[in-house]
N, C-alpha and C. Protein backbone atom coordinates (compact mmCIF):
# COMPACT_ATOMS: atom_id res chain seq x y z
N MET A 1 118.71 -7.21 51.24
CA MET A 1 118.13 -5.97 50.41
C MET A 1 116.66 -6.17 49.22
N SER A 2 115.47 -4.91 49.45
CA SER A 2 114.49 -4.78 48.71
C SER A 2 115.10 -3.72 47.49
N ASP A 3 114.78 -4.26 45.63
CA ASP A 3 114.35 -4.17 45.06
C ASP A 3 113.83 -1.83 44.73
N ASN A 4 113.20 -2.26 46.30
CA ASN A 4 112.16 -0.51 46.21
C ASN A 4 113.13 0.15 47.36
N SER A 5 114.04 1.09 46.43
CA SER A 5 115.30 1.54 47.18
C SER A 5 115.01 2.61 47.26
N VAL A 6 114.25 2.85 47.89
CA VAL A 6 113.66 3.89 49.23
C VAL A 6 113.82 3.30 50.02
N TYR A 7 113.61 2.16 50.97
CA TYR A 7 114.78 1.93 51.69
C TYR A 7 115.08 0.78 51.81
N THR A 8 116.01 0.16 53.46
CA THR A 8 117.50 -0.41 53.27
C THR A 8 117.12 -0.73 53.80
N VAL A 9 117.21 -2.27 53.28
CA VAL A 9 116.31 -3.31 54.53
C VAL A 9 117.37 -3.78 54.93
N THR A 10 117.65 -4.74 56.15
CA THR A 10 118.99 -5.28 56.95
C THR A 10 118.20 -6.05 58.05
N GLN A 11 118.44 -7.90 57.91
CA GLN A 11 118.13 -8.43 58.10
C GLN A 11 118.88 -8.78 59.71
N ILE A 12 118.25 -8.64 60.99
CA ILE A 12 118.89 -9.55 62.04
C ILE A 12 118.78 -10.52 62.13
N ASP A 13 117.88 -11.66 61.99
CA ASP A 13 117.84 -13.06 62.48
C ASP A 13 117.37 -13.43 61.41
N SER A 14 116.90 -14.43 61.89
CA SER A 14 115.88 -15.24 60.67
C SER A 14 114.35 -14.90 60.52
N GLY A 15 113.62 -13.92 61.29
CA GLY A 15 112.50 -13.81 61.77
C GLY A 15 112.29 -12.21 62.09
N SER A 16 113.51 -10.81 61.83
CA SER A 16 113.17 -10.01 62.11
C SER A 16 114.39 -8.65 60.98
N TRP A 17 113.78 -7.94 61.31
CA TRP A 17 114.51 -7.43 59.84
C TRP A 17 114.41 -5.59 60.17
N ILE A 18 115.22 -4.76 60.20
CA ILE A 18 115.25 -3.50 60.28
C ILE A 18 114.77 -2.96 58.85
N ILE A 19 114.52 -1.59 58.84
CA ILE A 19 113.55 -0.97 57.80
C ILE A 19 114.05 0.47 57.64
N ASP A 20 115.14 0.74 56.83
CA ASP A 20 115.31 2.04 57.32
C ASP A 20 114.91 2.85 55.93
N ASP A 21 114.08 4.46 56.53
CA ASP A 21 113.45 5.37 55.83
C ASP A 21 114.26 6.43 55.97
N ASN A 22 115.21 6.62 55.25
CA ASN A 22 116.10 7.88 55.19
C ASN A 22 116.34 8.52 57.00
N GLY A 23 116.58 8.07 57.46
CA GLY A 23 117.13 7.94 59.07
C GLY A 23 115.47 7.73 60.64
N ALA A 24 114.96 7.32 60.18
CA ALA A 24 113.43 6.37 60.73
C ALA A 24 113.42 5.31 60.07
N ARG A 25 114.01 3.96 61.29
CA ARG A 25 113.71 2.93 61.57
C ARG A 25 112.22 2.48 62.01
N MET A 26 111.89 1.38 60.99
CA MET A 26 110.85 -0.21 60.94
C MET A 26 111.05 -1.25 61.52
N PHE A 27 110.82 -1.12 62.11
CA PHE A 27 111.35 -2.94 62.57
C PHE A 27 109.67 -3.70 62.16
N PHE A 28 110.37 -4.69 61.97
CA PHE A 28 109.57 -6.62 61.40
C PHE A 28 109.66 -7.26 61.75
N PHE A 29 109.18 -8.58 62.12
CA PHE A 29 109.35 -9.43 63.06
C PHE A 29 108.51 -10.69 61.52
N THR A 30 108.48 -11.86 61.80
CA THR A 30 107.32 -12.53 61.36
C THR A 30 107.76 -13.86 62.62
N GLY A 31 106.06 -14.54 62.40
CA GLY A 31 105.82 -15.38 63.62
C GLY A 31 105.42 -16.72 62.39
N LYS A 32 104.19 -17.26 62.40
CA LYS A 32 104.08 -18.44 62.73
C LYS A 32 102.93 -18.20 61.73
N ASP A 33 101.65 -17.01 62.97
CA ASP A 33 100.65 -17.00 61.26
C ASP A 33 100.45 -15.59 61.27
N LYS A 34 101.11 -14.61 61.23
CA LYS A 34 101.21 -13.76 61.26
C LYS A 34 102.41 -13.16 61.55
N ALA A 35 102.74 -11.21 60.73
CA ALA A 35 104.22 -10.84 60.88
C ALA A 35 103.56 -9.00 61.30
N LEU A 36 104.57 -8.95 62.20
CA LEU A 36 104.25 -7.64 62.87
C LEU A 36 105.43 -6.49 62.02
N LEU A 37 104.83 -5.32 61.80
CA LEU A 37 105.38 -4.07 61.19
C LEU A 37 105.19 -3.13 63.29
N VAL A 38 106.86 -2.49 62.75
CA VAL A 38 106.35 -1.57 63.91
C VAL A 38 106.82 -0.39 62.90
N ASP A 39 105.78 0.76 63.06
CA ASP A 39 105.49 1.82 63.02
C ASP A 39 105.17 1.10 61.56
N SER A 40 105.95 3.21 60.85
CA SER A 40 106.03 2.30 58.89
C SER A 40 106.65 3.61 58.02
N GLY A 41 107.79 4.22 59.50
CA GLY A 41 107.59 5.23 58.67
C GLY A 41 107.87 7.00 58.34
N TYR A 42 108.21 7.47 57.06
CA TYR A 42 107.79 8.03 56.68
C TYR A 42 106.99 8.73 56.11
N GLY A 43 106.66 8.17 55.01
CA GLY A 43 105.92 7.76 53.79
C GLY A 43 106.56 7.65 52.38
N SER A 44 107.73 7.30 52.63
CA SER A 44 108.37 7.55 51.28
C SER A 44 108.20 6.32 50.07
N GLY A 45 107.30 4.84 50.23
CA GLY A 45 107.79 4.30 48.76
C GLY A 45 106.38 3.24 49.88
N ASP A 46 106.65 2.46 49.21
CA ASP A 46 105.50 1.42 49.17
C ASP A 46 105.68 0.09 49.96
N LEU A 47 105.69 0.74 50.80
CA LEU A 47 106.37 0.13 52.08
C LEU A 47 105.59 -1.78 52.25
N LYS A 48 104.35 -1.49 51.45
CA LYS A 48 104.29 -2.86 51.78
C LYS A 48 104.11 -3.26 51.11
N LYS A 49 104.32 -3.22 49.70
CA LYS A 49 105.52 -4.64 49.07
C LYS A 49 106.43 -4.85 49.40
N THR A 50 107.62 -3.94 50.14
CA THR A 50 108.71 -4.33 50.47
C THR A 50 108.42 -5.42 51.89
N LEU A 51 106.96 -5.21 52.24
CA LEU A 51 107.13 -6.12 53.09
C LEU A 51 106.88 -7.83 53.00
N SER A 52 106.04 -7.30 51.60
CA SER A 52 105.63 -8.49 50.04
C SER A 52 107.40 -9.51 49.91
N GLU A 53 107.90 -9.01 49.79
CA GLU A 53 109.19 -9.53 49.48
C GLU A 53 110.20 -10.27 51.03
N LEU A 54 109.54 -9.69 51.35
CA LEU A 54 110.27 -10.33 52.55
C LEU A 54 108.96 -11.85 53.59
N THR A 55 107.85 -11.60 53.41
CA THR A 55 106.95 -12.42 53.85
C THR A 55 105.31 -13.01 53.04
N ASP A 56 104.76 -14.11 53.11
CA ASP A 56 103.20 -13.65 52.09
C ASP A 56 102.13 -13.73 53.76
N LEU A 57 103.33 -13.78 54.86
CA LEU A 57 102.13 -14.27 56.29
C LEU A 57 101.23 -12.54 56.06
N PRO A 58 99.82 -12.17 56.46
CA PRO A 58 99.34 -10.91 57.06
C PRO A 58 100.07 -9.97 58.30
N VAL A 59 99.77 -8.86 58.10
CA VAL A 59 100.84 -8.21 59.13
C VAL A 59 99.37 -7.60 59.42
N MET A 60 100.38 -8.05 60.96
CA MET A 60 99.49 -6.59 61.94
C MET A 60 100.51 -5.75 62.08
N LEU A 61 100.11 -3.94 61.67
CA LEU A 61 100.48 -2.70 61.98
C LEU A 61 100.64 -2.90 63.75
N VAL A 62 101.36 -2.47 64.60
CA VAL A 62 101.12 -1.24 65.11
C VAL A 62 102.41 0.02 65.29
N ASN A 63 102.09 1.10 65.56
CA ASN A 63 102.61 1.79 65.80
C ASN A 63 103.04 2.41 67.58
N THR A 64 104.33 2.62 67.45
CA THR A 64 104.82 3.67 69.17
C THR A 64 103.99 4.85 68.83
N HIS A 65 103.73 4.69 68.36
CA HIS A 65 103.11 6.69 68.68
C HIS A 65 102.63 7.18 67.18
N ALA A 66 102.08 8.29 67.09
CA ALA A 66 101.21 9.34 65.91
C ALA A 66 101.87 10.28 65.29
N ASP A 67 103.51 10.43 65.39
CA ASP A 67 104.10 11.25 65.15
C ASP A 67 104.43 11.20 63.23
N HIS A 68 104.23 11.66 63.00
CA HIS A 68 104.54 11.39 60.82
C HIS A 68 105.65 10.58 61.08
N ASP A 69 106.44 10.70 61.16
CA ASP A 69 107.89 9.72 61.12
C ASP A 69 107.40 7.88 61.02
N HIS A 70 106.43 8.24 61.98
CA HIS A 70 106.29 6.69 62.61
C HIS A 70 104.59 6.35 61.81
N ILE A 71 103.88 7.11 61.19
CA ILE A 71 102.75 6.64 60.44
C ILE A 71 102.63 7.06 59.30
N GLY A 72 103.76 7.24 58.55
CA GLY A 72 103.90 8.10 56.83
C GLY A 72 103.41 6.58 56.26
N CYS A 73 103.31 5.97 56.46
CA CYS A 73 102.77 5.05 55.16
C CYS A 73 101.92 3.21 55.49
N ASN A 74 100.95 4.18 57.21
CA ASN A 74 99.53 4.02 57.90
C ASN A 74 98.65 3.43 56.27
N ALA A 75 98.84 4.03 55.36
CA ALA A 75 96.91 4.14 54.24
C ALA A 75 97.16 2.99 54.04
N GLN A 76 98.20 2.91 53.52
CA GLN A 76 98.47 1.56 52.58
C GLN A 76 98.28 0.05 53.27
N PHE A 77 98.13 0.09 55.04
CA PHE A 77 97.34 -1.08 55.54
C PHE A 77 95.95 -0.78 56.03
N ASP A 78 95.19 -1.70 56.27
CA ASP A 78 93.69 -1.17 56.71
C ASP A 78 93.24 -1.06 57.61
N ARG A 79 93.79 -1.29 58.78
CA ARG A 79 94.10 -1.33 59.96
C ARG A 79 95.63 -0.52 61.18
N ALA A 80 95.41 -0.28 61.95
CA ALA A 80 96.63 0.28 62.70
C ALA A 80 96.47 -0.44 64.45
N PHE A 81 96.97 -0.40 65.32
CA PHE A 81 96.74 -0.78 66.05
C PHE A 81 97.84 -0.11 66.89
N LEU A 82 97.38 1.22 67.73
CA LEU A 82 97.85 2.04 68.66
C LEU A 82 97.05 1.93 69.33
N HIS A 83 97.92 2.70 70.41
CA HIS A 83 97.45 2.49 72.58
C HIS A 83 96.14 4.56 71.77
N PRO A 84 94.97 3.83 72.79
CA PRO A 84 93.93 4.73 72.17
C PRO A 84 93.95 6.56 72.68
N ALA A 85 95.04 6.74 73.28
CA ALA A 85 95.84 8.06 73.94
C ALA A 85 95.99 8.75 72.63
N GLU A 86 96.68 7.66 71.75
CA GLU A 86 97.05 8.68 70.42
C GLU A 86 95.78 8.89 69.21
N PHE A 87 94.46 8.42 69.54
CA PHE A 87 93.47 8.45 68.55
C PHE A 87 93.60 9.51 68.02
N ASN A 88 93.14 10.42 68.70
CA ASN A 88 92.36 11.78 68.16
C ASN A 88 94.21 12.90 68.06
N PHE A 89 95.52 12.19 68.07
CA PHE A 89 96.46 12.67 66.82
C PHE A 89 96.84 12.30 65.75
N TYR A 90 96.21 11.28 65.84
CA TYR A 90 96.59 10.39 64.52
C TYR A 90 95.59 10.65 63.92
N HIS A 91 94.05 11.00 63.69
CA HIS A 91 93.16 10.80 62.91
C HIS A 91 93.38 12.58 62.97
N GLN A 92 93.29 13.48 63.31
CA GLN A 92 94.13 14.60 62.82
C GLN A 92 95.52 14.58 61.51
N SER A 93 96.37 13.58 62.23
CA SER A 93 97.27 13.53 61.07
C SER A 93 97.10 12.46 60.24
N ILE A 94 96.31 11.44 59.94
CA ILE A 94 96.32 10.33 58.54
C ILE A 94 94.87 10.83 58.27
N GLY A 95 93.87 11.36 59.09
CA GLY A 95 92.42 11.30 58.75
C GLY A 95 91.37 9.65 59.47
N ALA A 96 91.04 10.78 59.55
CA ALA A 96 89.62 9.74 60.97
C ALA A 96 89.22 8.61 60.05
N GLU A 97 88.76 8.51 58.57
CA GLU A 97 89.11 7.13 57.36
C GLU A 97 89.41 6.27 57.43
N HIS A 98 91.22 6.43 58.05
CA HIS A 98 91.93 4.99 58.99
C HIS A 98 91.57 4.71 60.18
N ALA A 99 91.45 3.30 59.64
CA ALA A 99 91.32 2.64 61.47
C ALA A 99 92.53 2.50 61.88
N ALA A 100 91.49 2.78 63.25
CA ALA A 100 92.86 1.66 64.55
C ALA A 100 91.77 1.00 65.73
N SER A 101 92.66 0.18 65.91
CA SER A 101 92.13 -0.71 66.81
C SER A 101 93.90 0.05 67.96
N PRO A 102 92.54 -0.61 69.42
CA PRO A 102 93.05 -0.42 70.58
C PRO A 102 94.22 -1.61 71.01
N LEU A 103 95.34 -0.73 71.52
CA LEU A 103 96.18 -1.13 72.60
C LEU A 103 96.71 -0.62 73.51
N TRP A 104 96.20 -1.87 74.99
CA TRP A 104 96.46 -1.43 75.87
C TRP A 104 98.10 -1.71 76.63
N GLU A 105 97.79 -1.24 78.22
CA GLU A 105 98.83 -1.66 78.85
C GLU A 105 99.08 -3.29 79.24
N GLY A 106 99.78 -4.24 78.96
CA GLY A 106 99.91 -5.43 79.38
C GLY A 106 99.64 -6.65 78.36
N ASP A 107 98.19 -6.00 77.52
CA ASP A 107 98.02 -6.24 76.04
C ASP A 107 99.59 -7.71 75.76
N ILE A 108 99.31 -8.16 75.51
CA ILE A 108 100.62 -9.77 74.13
C ILE A 108 100.29 -9.82 72.65
N ILE A 109 101.32 -9.03 71.91
CA ILE A 109 100.84 -9.76 70.87
C ILE A 109 101.83 -10.61 70.16
N ASP A 110 100.66 -11.64 70.26
CA ASP A 110 101.83 -13.38 69.83
C ASP A 110 102.02 -13.23 69.21
N LEU A 111 103.52 -13.78 68.18
CA LEU A 111 103.21 -14.23 66.95
C LEU A 111 103.22 -15.44 66.69
N GLY A 112 103.67 -16.16 67.91
CA GLY A 112 103.96 -17.58 67.92
C GLY A 112 105.55 -18.51 68.23
N VAL A 113 106.11 -17.74 67.49
CA VAL A 113 107.75 -17.36 68.16
C VAL A 113 108.27 -16.99 69.46
N ARG A 114 107.51 -15.80 69.07
CA ARG A 114 108.18 -14.84 70.05
C ARG A 114 106.57 -13.78 70.46
N LYS A 115 107.01 -12.83 71.36
CA LYS A 115 105.85 -12.28 72.63
C LYS A 115 105.82 -11.19 72.26
N PHE A 116 105.19 -9.92 72.34
CA PHE A 116 105.72 -8.40 72.68
C PHE A 116 104.42 -7.82 73.76
N GLU A 117 105.52 -7.85 74.63
CA GLU A 117 104.44 -6.83 75.84
C GLU A 117 104.33 -5.37 75.88
N VAL A 118 102.82 -5.18 75.13
CA VAL A 118 102.58 -3.86 75.81
C VAL A 118 103.01 -2.85 77.04
N ILE A 119 103.30 -1.51 76.50
CA ILE A 119 103.93 -1.31 77.56
C ILE A 119 103.14 0.63 78.03
N LEU A 120 103.06 0.97 78.05
CA LEU A 120 102.51 2.35 78.43
C LEU A 120 103.43 3.70 79.23
N VAL A 121 104.13 4.43 78.16
CA VAL A 121 104.81 5.36 78.44
C VAL A 121 104.99 6.86 77.89
N PRO A 122 103.79 7.95 78.40
CA PRO A 122 104.10 8.54 78.10
C PRO A 122 104.69 9.46 78.71
N GLY A 123 104.47 11.16 77.58
CA GLY A 123 105.94 11.86 77.58
C GLY A 123 106.22 12.52 76.38
N HIS A 124 107.20 12.05 75.05
CA HIS A 124 107.16 12.08 73.90
C HIS A 124 105.46 11.94 73.54
N THR A 125 104.85 11.52 73.30
CA THR A 125 102.55 11.73 73.41
C THR A 125 102.35 11.23 74.46
N PRO A 126 100.71 11.63 74.76
CA PRO A 126 100.51 10.68 75.47
C PRO A 126 100.29 9.23 75.80
N GLY A 127 100.08 8.76 74.08
CA GLY A 127 99.83 7.50 73.93
C GLY A 127 100.99 6.51 73.76
N SER A 128 102.48 7.24 73.54
CA SER A 128 103.43 6.51 73.37
C SER A 128 103.77 4.90 74.28
N ILE A 129 103.75 4.10 73.49
CA ILE A 129 104.20 2.35 73.60
C ILE A 129 105.74 2.27 73.97
N VAL A 130 105.43 1.24 73.95
CA VAL A 130 107.25 0.24 73.91
C VAL A 130 107.01 -1.00 73.68
N LEU A 131 107.34 -1.96 73.15
CA LEU A 131 106.98 -3.49 73.28
C LEU A 131 108.39 -4.58 73.65
N LEU A 132 107.95 -5.04 74.25
CA LEU A 132 108.55 -5.91 75.32
C LEU A 132 109.10 -7.56 74.67
N ASP A 133 110.23 -7.45 75.05
CA ASP A 133 109.85 -8.86 74.19
C ASP A 133 111.01 -9.51 75.12
N ALA A 134 110.26 -10.50 76.27
CA ALA A 134 110.68 -10.63 77.33
C ALA A 134 111.87 -11.80 76.85
N LYS A 135 111.68 -12.50 76.26
CA LYS A 135 111.83 -14.12 76.36
C LYS A 135 113.32 -13.71 75.41
N ASN A 136 113.12 -12.51 74.65
CA ASN A 136 114.89 -12.06 73.53
C ASN A 136 115.20 -11.36 74.33
N ARG A 137 115.04 -10.93 76.28
CA ARG A 137 115.68 -9.49 75.70
C ARG A 137 115.39 -8.06 75.01
N ILE A 138 113.93 -8.04 74.66
CA ILE A 138 114.94 -6.85 73.97
C ILE A 138 113.11 -6.06 73.69
N LEU A 139 113.88 -4.74 74.10
CA LEU A 139 112.81 -3.69 73.89
C LEU A 139 112.99 -2.87 72.92
N ILE A 140 111.74 -2.68 72.21
CA ILE A 140 111.49 -1.79 71.23
C ILE A 140 110.69 -0.59 71.46
N GLY A 141 111.80 0.32 71.69
CA GLY A 141 112.03 2.05 72.74
C GLY A 141 111.05 3.12 72.10
N GLY A 142 110.37 2.89 70.66
CA GLY A 142 110.06 3.58 70.24
C GLY A 142 111.17 5.52 70.09
N ASP A 143 109.79 6.36 70.15
CA ASP A 143 110.66 7.82 70.73
C ASP A 143 110.97 7.96 71.66
N THR A 144 110.63 7.15 73.45
CA THR A 144 110.82 7.34 74.06
C THR A 144 112.72 7.10 74.31
N VAL A 145 113.25 6.43 74.09
CA VAL A 145 114.46 5.91 74.71
C VAL A 145 115.44 5.44 73.29
N PHE A 146 116.01 5.69 72.93
CA PHE A 146 117.05 6.31 72.47
C PHE A 146 118.71 7.24 72.63
N ASP A 147 119.24 7.72 71.34
CA ASP A 147 120.37 7.70 72.09
C ASP A 147 120.99 9.46 71.52
N ASP A 148 119.77 10.45 70.92
CA ASP A 148 120.45 11.24 69.71
C ASP A 148 118.84 12.54 70.70
N ARG A 149 118.58 13.45 69.88
CA ARG A 149 117.68 14.71 69.56
C ARG A 149 116.43 14.18 70.48
N ILE A 150 115.74 13.89 72.08
CA ILE A 150 114.43 13.62 71.82
C ILE A 150 113.69 14.68 72.28
N VAL A 151 112.04 14.63 71.18
CA VAL A 151 111.73 15.78 72.04
C VAL A 151 110.22 15.66 72.77
N LEU A 152 110.60 16.68 73.19
CA LEU A 152 109.96 17.25 74.02
C LEU A 152 108.48 17.97 74.69
N LYS A 153 109.02 19.31 72.93
CA LYS A 153 108.74 20.47 72.40
C LYS A 153 107.76 20.40 71.93
N GLY A 154 106.18 20.83 72.21
CA GLY A 154 104.81 21.43 71.30
C GLY A 154 103.37 20.41 71.45
N PRO A 155 102.69 20.46 71.16
CA PRO A 155 101.62 19.81 71.25
C PRO A 155 102.20 18.53 71.93
N CYS A 156 101.36 17.58 72.61
CA CYS A 156 101.40 16.49 73.46
C CYS A 156 102.46 16.39 74.23
N ARG A 157 103.31 16.86 74.22
CA ARG A 157 104.32 16.16 75.31
C ARG A 157 104.51 16.65 76.00
N ASN A 158 105.15 16.27 77.56
CA ASN A 158 104.64 16.44 78.29
C ASN A 158 106.23 15.68 78.85
N PHE A 159 107.29 16.88 80.02
CA PHE A 159 108.48 16.54 80.01
C PHE A 159 108.60 15.72 81.62
N ASP A 160 106.39 16.26 82.49
CA ASP A 160 107.39 15.39 84.00
C ASP A 160 106.49 13.75 83.20
N ALA A 161 106.26 14.31 82.37
CA ALA A 161 105.15 12.67 82.21
C ALA A 161 106.35 11.63 81.45
N TYR A 162 107.25 12.44 80.62
CA TYR A 162 108.06 11.94 80.24
C TYR A 162 109.00 10.94 81.15
N ILE A 163 109.62 11.86 82.45
CA ILE A 163 110.57 11.85 83.14
C ILE A 163 109.84 10.62 84.16
N CYS A 164 108.44 10.61 83.92
CA CYS A 164 108.04 8.85 85.30
C CYS A 164 108.29 8.30 84.34
N SER A 165 107.91 8.25 83.13
CA SER A 165 107.93 6.94 82.13
C SER A 165 110.04 6.57 82.55
N LEU A 166 110.11 7.01 82.11
CA LEU A 166 111.98 6.70 82.49
C LEU A 166 111.57 6.20 83.64
N GLU A 167 111.53 6.70 84.83
CA GLU A 167 111.39 5.58 85.92
C GLU A 167 110.65 4.61 86.02
N LYS A 168 109.67 4.66 84.82
CA LYS A 168 109.46 3.45 85.21
C LYS A 168 110.02 2.08 84.05
N LEU A 169 111.00 2.85 83.24
CA LEU A 169 111.45 1.62 82.47
C LEU A 169 112.80 1.19 83.18
N TYR A 170 113.24 2.30 84.12
CA TYR A 170 114.67 1.62 84.63
C TYR A 170 113.97 0.20 86.18
N GLY A 171 112.90 0.13 85.42
CA GLY A 171 112.45 -0.28 87.46
C GLY A 171 112.28 -1.57 86.27
N MET A 172 112.36 -1.22 85.61
CA MET A 172 111.78 -3.13 84.28
C MET A 172 113.30 -3.17 83.53
N ARG A 173 114.17 -2.98 84.07
CA ARG A 173 115.27 -2.61 83.29
C ARG A 173 116.06 -4.38 83.57
N ASP A 174 115.95 -5.01 84.61
CA ASP A 174 116.00 -6.57 84.23
C ASP A 174 115.25 -7.36 83.53
N ARG A 175 114.43 -6.89 82.78
CA ARG A 175 113.86 -8.17 81.75
C ARG A 175 114.25 -7.37 80.41
N PHE A 176 114.92 -6.75 80.55
CA PHE A 176 115.80 -6.42 79.00
C PHE A 176 116.98 -6.14 78.74
N ASP A 177 117.78 -5.94 77.66
CA ASP A 177 119.68 -6.17 77.70
C ASP A 177 119.73 -5.46 76.39
N THR A 178 118.49 -5.04 75.65
CA THR A 178 118.57 -4.23 73.94
C THR A 178 117.23 -3.69 74.15
N ILE A 179 118.29 -2.41 73.66
CA ILE A 179 117.15 -1.90 72.68
C ILE A 179 117.31 -1.27 71.73
N TYR A 180 115.31 -1.28 71.31
CA TYR A 180 115.84 -1.17 69.09
C TYR A 180 115.54 -0.22 69.49
N THR A 181 116.62 0.81 68.77
CA THR A 181 115.65 2.30 68.29
C THR A 181 115.94 3.68 66.91
N PRO A 182 114.45 3.97 67.10
CA PRO A 182 114.41 4.17 66.08
C PRO A 182 115.44 5.43 64.95
N HIS A 183 115.70 5.51 65.25
CA HIS A 183 116.48 7.12 65.41
C HIS A 183 118.37 6.56 66.45
N GLY A 184 118.69 7.68 65.21
CA GLY A 184 120.16 7.51 66.59
C GLY A 184 121.33 6.02 66.40
N GLY A 185 121.77 5.60 67.19
CA GLY A 185 122.51 5.07 67.39
C GLY A 185 121.35 3.22 67.46
N PHE A 186 122.05 2.04 67.03
CA PHE A 186 120.96 1.50 67.07
C PHE A 186 122.08 -0.19 66.56
N PRO A 187 122.05 -0.92 67.91
CA PRO A 187 120.63 -1.10 68.77
C PRO A 187 121.68 -0.31 69.74
N VAL A 188 121.03 0.13 71.43
CA VAL A 188 121.99 0.79 72.43
C VAL A 188 121.36 -0.18 73.36
N SER A 189 122.31 -0.75 75.26
CA SER A 189 121.98 -1.22 75.73
C SER A 189 121.44 -0.27 76.79
N SER A 190 120.01 -1.76 77.45
CA SER A 190 119.72 -0.83 78.38
C SER A 190 120.44 -0.03 79.60
N SER A 191 121.70 -0.04 79.90
CA SER A 191 122.70 1.27 80.38
C SER A 191 122.29 2.83 80.54
N ILE A 192 121.35 2.47 79.12
CA ILE A 192 120.97 4.28 78.59
C ILE A 192 120.28 4.71 79.31
N LEU A 193 119.54 3.92 80.27
CA LEU A 193 117.93 4.34 81.06
C LEU A 193 118.44 5.19 82.20
N GLU A 194 119.49 4.08 82.96
CA GLU A 194 120.54 5.51 84.04
C GLU A 194 120.56 6.82 83.92
N GLY A 195 121.10 7.24 82.47
CA GLY A 195 121.91 8.92 82.14
C GLY A 195 120.29 9.21 82.02
N LEU A 196 119.47 8.38 81.23
CA LEU A 196 118.43 9.54 80.86
C LEU A 196 117.83 10.31 82.14
N VAL A 197 117.50 9.18 83.28
CA VAL A 197 116.39 9.45 83.85
C VAL A 197 118.00 10.50 84.65
N GLU A 198 118.94 10.18 84.92
CA GLU A 198 119.15 11.10 85.99
C GLU A 198 119.31 12.28 84.97
N GLY A 199 119.79 12.09 84.16
CA GLY A 199 119.92 13.65 82.74
C GLY A 199 118.72 14.25 82.57
N ALA A 200 117.76 13.87 83.00
CA ALA A 200 116.24 14.96 81.92
C ALA A 200 115.54 15.15 83.78
N LYS A 201 116.16 14.22 84.96
CA LYS A 201 116.19 15.26 86.02
C LYS A 201 116.80 16.35 86.16
N CYS A 202 118.01 16.57 85.80
CA CYS A 202 119.00 17.47 85.90
C CYS A 202 118.11 18.63 85.07
N VAL A 203 117.83 18.16 84.09
CA VAL A 203 116.69 18.37 84.16
C VAL A 203 116.39 20.28 83.79
N ARG A 204 115.87 19.63 84.47
CA ARG A 204 114.47 19.33 85.48
C ARG A 204 114.60 20.28 86.98
N ALA A 205 115.78 20.35 87.57
CA ALA A 205 116.30 20.78 87.99
C ALA A 205 117.05 22.14 87.94
N GLY A 206 116.81 23.11 86.53
CA GLY A 206 117.83 23.57 85.66
C GLY A 206 119.22 23.15 85.91
N ASN A 207 119.78 22.39 85.81
CA ASN A 207 121.02 21.61 86.39
C ASN A 207 122.06 21.57 84.74
N VAL A 208 121.18 22.03 84.13
CA VAL A 208 121.58 21.19 82.18
C VAL A 208 121.82 23.00 81.88
N GLU A 209 122.48 23.31 81.29
CA GLU A 209 122.43 25.04 80.33
C GLU A 209 122.04 24.03 79.07
N GLY A 210 120.48 24.60 78.61
CA GLY A 210 120.76 24.97 77.40
C GLY A 210 120.46 25.22 75.57
N VAL A 211 121.01 25.42 75.33
CA VAL A 211 121.01 25.65 73.72
C VAL A 211 120.28 25.72 73.15
N ALA A 212 120.54 26.44 71.97
CA ALA A 212 119.47 27.28 71.49
C ALA A 212 119.42 26.07 70.07
N THR A 213 117.89 25.78 69.81
CA THR A 213 118.07 25.02 69.03
C THR A 213 117.25 25.16 67.69
N ASP A 214 117.01 24.37 65.84
CA ASP A 214 115.82 24.70 65.42
C ASP A 214 115.02 23.76 64.98
N PHE A 215 116.10 22.88 65.17
CA PHE A 215 115.15 21.42 65.68
C PHE A 215 113.58 21.32 65.50
N VAL A 216 113.11 21.80 65.97
CA VAL A 216 111.95 22.41 66.62
C VAL A 216 111.92 24.18 67.32
N GLU A 217 110.86 24.41 66.24
CA GLU A 217 110.68 26.12 66.67
C GLU A 217 109.87 26.20 68.39
N ASN A 218 111.10 26.90 68.32
CA ASN A 218 111.09 27.80 69.89
C ASN A 218 111.61 27.12 71.20
N ALA A 219 112.16 25.60 70.91
CA ALA A 219 112.82 25.19 71.76
C ALA A 219 114.03 24.67 72.06
N MET A 220 114.56 24.60 73.25
CA MET A 220 116.41 24.78 73.70
C MET A 220 116.59 23.07 73.83
N LEU A 221 117.53 22.92 73.57
CA LEU A 221 118.10 21.26 72.88
C LEU A 221 119.13 20.92 74.77
N TYR A 222 118.80 20.23 74.56
CA TYR A 222 119.62 20.13 76.89
C TYR A 222 120.44 19.06 76.33
N ASP A 223 122.26 18.82 76.21
CA ASP A 223 122.62 17.54 76.46
C ASP A 223 123.11 16.80 77.54
N VAL A 224 122.54 15.38 77.82
CA VAL A 224 122.59 14.92 79.15
C VAL A 224 123.81 13.44 78.89
N GLY A 225 124.35 14.23 77.85
CA GLY A 225 125.56 13.03 77.57
C GLY A 225 125.19 11.68 76.52
N VAL A 226 124.16 11.00 77.54
CA VAL A 226 123.74 9.87 76.70
C VAL A 226 122.96 10.17 75.65
N ALA A 227 122.09 11.66 75.63
CA ALA A 227 121.11 11.54 74.54
C ALA A 227 121.08 13.47 74.48
N LYS A 228 120.04 14.21 73.97
CA LYS A 228 120.08 15.70 73.84
C LYS A 228 117.81 15.72 73.91
N ILE A 229 117.50 16.39 74.84
CA ILE A 229 116.59 16.94 75.27
C ILE A 229 116.85 17.97 74.66
N VAL A 230 115.46 18.24 74.15
CA VAL A 230 114.35 18.60 73.43
C VAL A 230 113.70 19.40 73.90
N LEU A 231 113.32 20.63 74.97
CA LEU A 231 112.47 21.19 75.04
C LEU A 231 111.79 22.80 75.20
């Protein structure tokens, strides 16, 4: 447990941790020569100090996308890595002075002891990515795959692209068993993808009744069983 009371730090195994920031999960992995931080939460505290209590390795910051609850502490780091389709949204949110470097579909983040493959999954945002640790059969799902309210209403969101991305991940499901989620239950099984694909298609076809929600302005919430789609 970190002495930085803003965060709850939970060790998963000898080289990985969950860092929870008021319901937004970040994931931290240490390797041989560097460490990987996936997302930076709401920006509630001194995240860099919290990480320094876990390792003295240099930290590579990767953002799954540029929503505010995933980039809140980015300013504490010299550079962030994310898909270029997020750059405009990212710099509008955090400021043009913050350096961003590209991650592309198929790029490999190699920590020595484990590797993560970058997979592009547009829909929630244009440059949303997930990270696949095929050796350990783990997918870091970002806001694309989890069991709570998945937002697809608002600027940069595209429901049809989201359905395509779900189908893409469903087609890759033999490569991972476990999904690390930023919100909702943790972890979830890859079996959630079947329900998400079917549910999203039912919503698109008008076969699921929506209810008004104040979670996002002027949005409707569609319960598809394994998750809720905000559209």
